[in-house]
Amino acid sequence: MNAEIVLAILAFIAFTIPIVGSLWRIFSIREKLNLEISELRHNIALNDERIKNLIEQQELAINGLKEVVAHVRTRTQIEEEKLSNRVADIEGFLAKSAGFAKRNHGKL
């Protein structure tokens, strides 16, 4: 073989080895980054699901409290009506039997 051809082949090999090494390194870094990105996307999806679950829990709690307040309000109104009727009955009985007269203390 000619010395120039051997020298050219050796020069080609000498220059391509660092290029191949650099490409190998770039692709391995790229693969690691892709894995990290995939893991981050997975974590984001999990956090999104947790946030949705927390929002649903909060809405259920708020709606539950609204129902409790509405129930207590209804029960209180019913009890107030019963007490008002009972007081009116007692006042009527006292007015008939003992001459009871209801006083107005500035309340309308």
Protein backbone atom coordinates (compact mmCIF):
# COMPACT_ATOMS: atom_id res chain seq x y z
CA MET A 1 0.00 0.00 0.00
CA ASN A 2 0.95 3.46 -0.64
CA ALA A 3 2.11 5.46 2.39
CA GLU A 4 -0.18 8.36 1.50
CA ILE A 5 -3.24 6.10 1.48
CA VAL A 6 -2.28 4.60 4.84
CA LEU A 7 -1.69 8.08 6.23
CA ALA A 8 -5.08 9.25 4.90
CA ILE A 9 -6.82 6.23 6.43
CA LEU A 10 -5.11 6.85 9.78
CA ALA A 11 -6.01 10.56 9.64
CA PHE A 12 -9.62 9.66 8.84
CA ILE A 13 -9.75 7.23 11.76
CA ALA A 14 -8.06 9.75 14.05
CA PHE A 15 -10.64 12.41 13.18
CA THR A 16 -13.72 10.19 13.19
CA ILE A 17 -13.09 8.57 16.58
CA PRO A 18 -13.58 11.85 18.53
CA ILE A 19 -16.63 12.68 16.39
CA VAL A 20 -18.18 9.27 17.04
CA GLY A 21 -17.36 9.61 20.75
CA SER A 22 -18.95 13.05 20.86
CA LEU A 23 -22.06 11.80 19.06
CA TRP A 24 -22.28 8.84 21.44
CA ARG A 25 -22.07 11.23 24.39
CA ILE A 26 -24.69 13.56 22.89
CA PHE A 27 -27.11 10.70 22.29
CA SER A 28 -26.60 9.30 25.80
CA ILE A 29 -27.25 12.76 27.29
CA ARG A 30 -30.32 13.06 25.06
CA GLU A 31 -31.60 9.70 26.30
CA LYS A 32 -31.12 10.72 29.95
CA LEU A 33 -32.95 13.99 29.30
CA ASN A 34 -35.81 12.14 27.62
CA LEU A 35 -36.10 9.85 30.65
CA GLU A 36 -36.13 12.82 33.03
CA ILE A 37 -38.73 14.61 30.89
CA SER A 38 -40.86 11.48 30.89
CA GLU A 39 -40.60 11.23 34.67
CA LEU A 40 -41.49 14.92 35.07
CA ARG A 41 -44.54 14.50 32.83
CA HIS A 42 -45.62 11.53 34.92
CA ASN A 43 -45.20 13.54 38.14
CA ILE A 44 -47.15 16.44 36.64
CA ALA A 45 -49.97 14.08 35.68
CA LEU A 46 -50.04 12.67 39.23
CA ASN A 47 -50.09 16.15 40.74
CA ASP A 48 -52.89 17.20 38.38
CA GLU A 49 -54.92 14.19 39.50
CA ARG A 50 -54.25 15.01 43.16
CA ILE A 51 -55.33 18.61 42.60
CA LYS A 52 -58.55 17.46 40.89
CA ASN A 53 -59.25 15.11 43.80
CA LEU A 54 -58.64 17.88 46.34
CA ILE A 55 -60.94 20.24 44.44
CA GLU A 56 -63.66 17.57 44.39
CA GLN A 57 -63.23 16.95 48.12
CA GLN A 58 -63.45 20.67 48.80
CA GLU A 59 -66.59 21.02 46.68
CA LEU A 60 -68.18 18.05 48.45
CA ALA A 61 -67.32 19.53 51.84
CA ILE A 62 -68.75 22.93 50.87
CA ASN A 63 -71.91 21.39 49.45
CA GLY A 64 -72.26 19.22 52.54
CA LEU A 65 -71.97 22.27 54.78
CA LYS A 66 -74.53 24.10 52.66
CA GLU A 67 -76.93 21.18 53.10
CA VAL A 68 -76.33 21.12 56.86
CA VAL A 69 -76.95 24.87 57.12
CA ALA A 70 -80.12 24.59 55.03
CA HIS A 71 -81.33 21.70 57.19
CA VAL A 72 -80.63 23.56 60.43
CA ARG A 73 -82.34 26.68 59.04
CA THR A 74 -85.43 24.67 58.08
CA ARG A 75 -85.54 22.91 61.45
CA THR A 76 -85.10 26.23 63.26
CA GLN A 77 -87.93 27.83 61.29
CA ILE A 78 -90.20 24.86 62.02
CA GLU A 79 -89.34 24.98 65.72
CA GLU A 80 -89.89 28.75 65.79
CA GLU A 81 -93.33 28.31 64.23
CA LYS A 82 -94.20 25.60 66.76
CA LEU A 83 -93.02 27.78 69.65
CA SER A 84 -94.92 30.80 68.33
CA ASN A 85 -98.08 28.73 68.04
CA ARG A 86 -97.56 27.29 71.52
CA VAL A 87 -96.98 30.77 73.00
CA ALA A 88 -100.10 32.04 71.23
CA ASP A 89 -102.09 29.10 72.64
CA ILE A 90 -100.80 29.76 76.15
CA GLU A 91 -101.53 33.50 75.85
CA GLY A 92 -105.03 32.69 74.64
CA PHE A 93 -105.60 30.31 77.54
CA LEU A 94 -104.27 32.85 80.06
CA ALA A 95 -106.34 35.64 78.54
CA LYS A 96 -109.52 33.54 78.88
CA SER A 97 -108.88 32.13 82.33
CA ALA A 98 -106.90 34.79 84.17
CA GLY A 99 -107.50 38.04 82.34
CA PHE A 100 -103.97 37.99 80.92
CA ALA A 101 -103.13 40.84 78.56
CA LYS A 102 -100.04 40.77 76.38
CA ARG A 103 -97.78 43.77 76.81
CA ASN A 104 -95.96 45.36 73.93
CA HIS A 105 -92.36 46.20 74.87
CA GLY A 106 -91.57 48.27 71.82
CA LYS A 107 -91.33 45.30 69.53
CA LEU A 108 -93.44 45.23 66.44
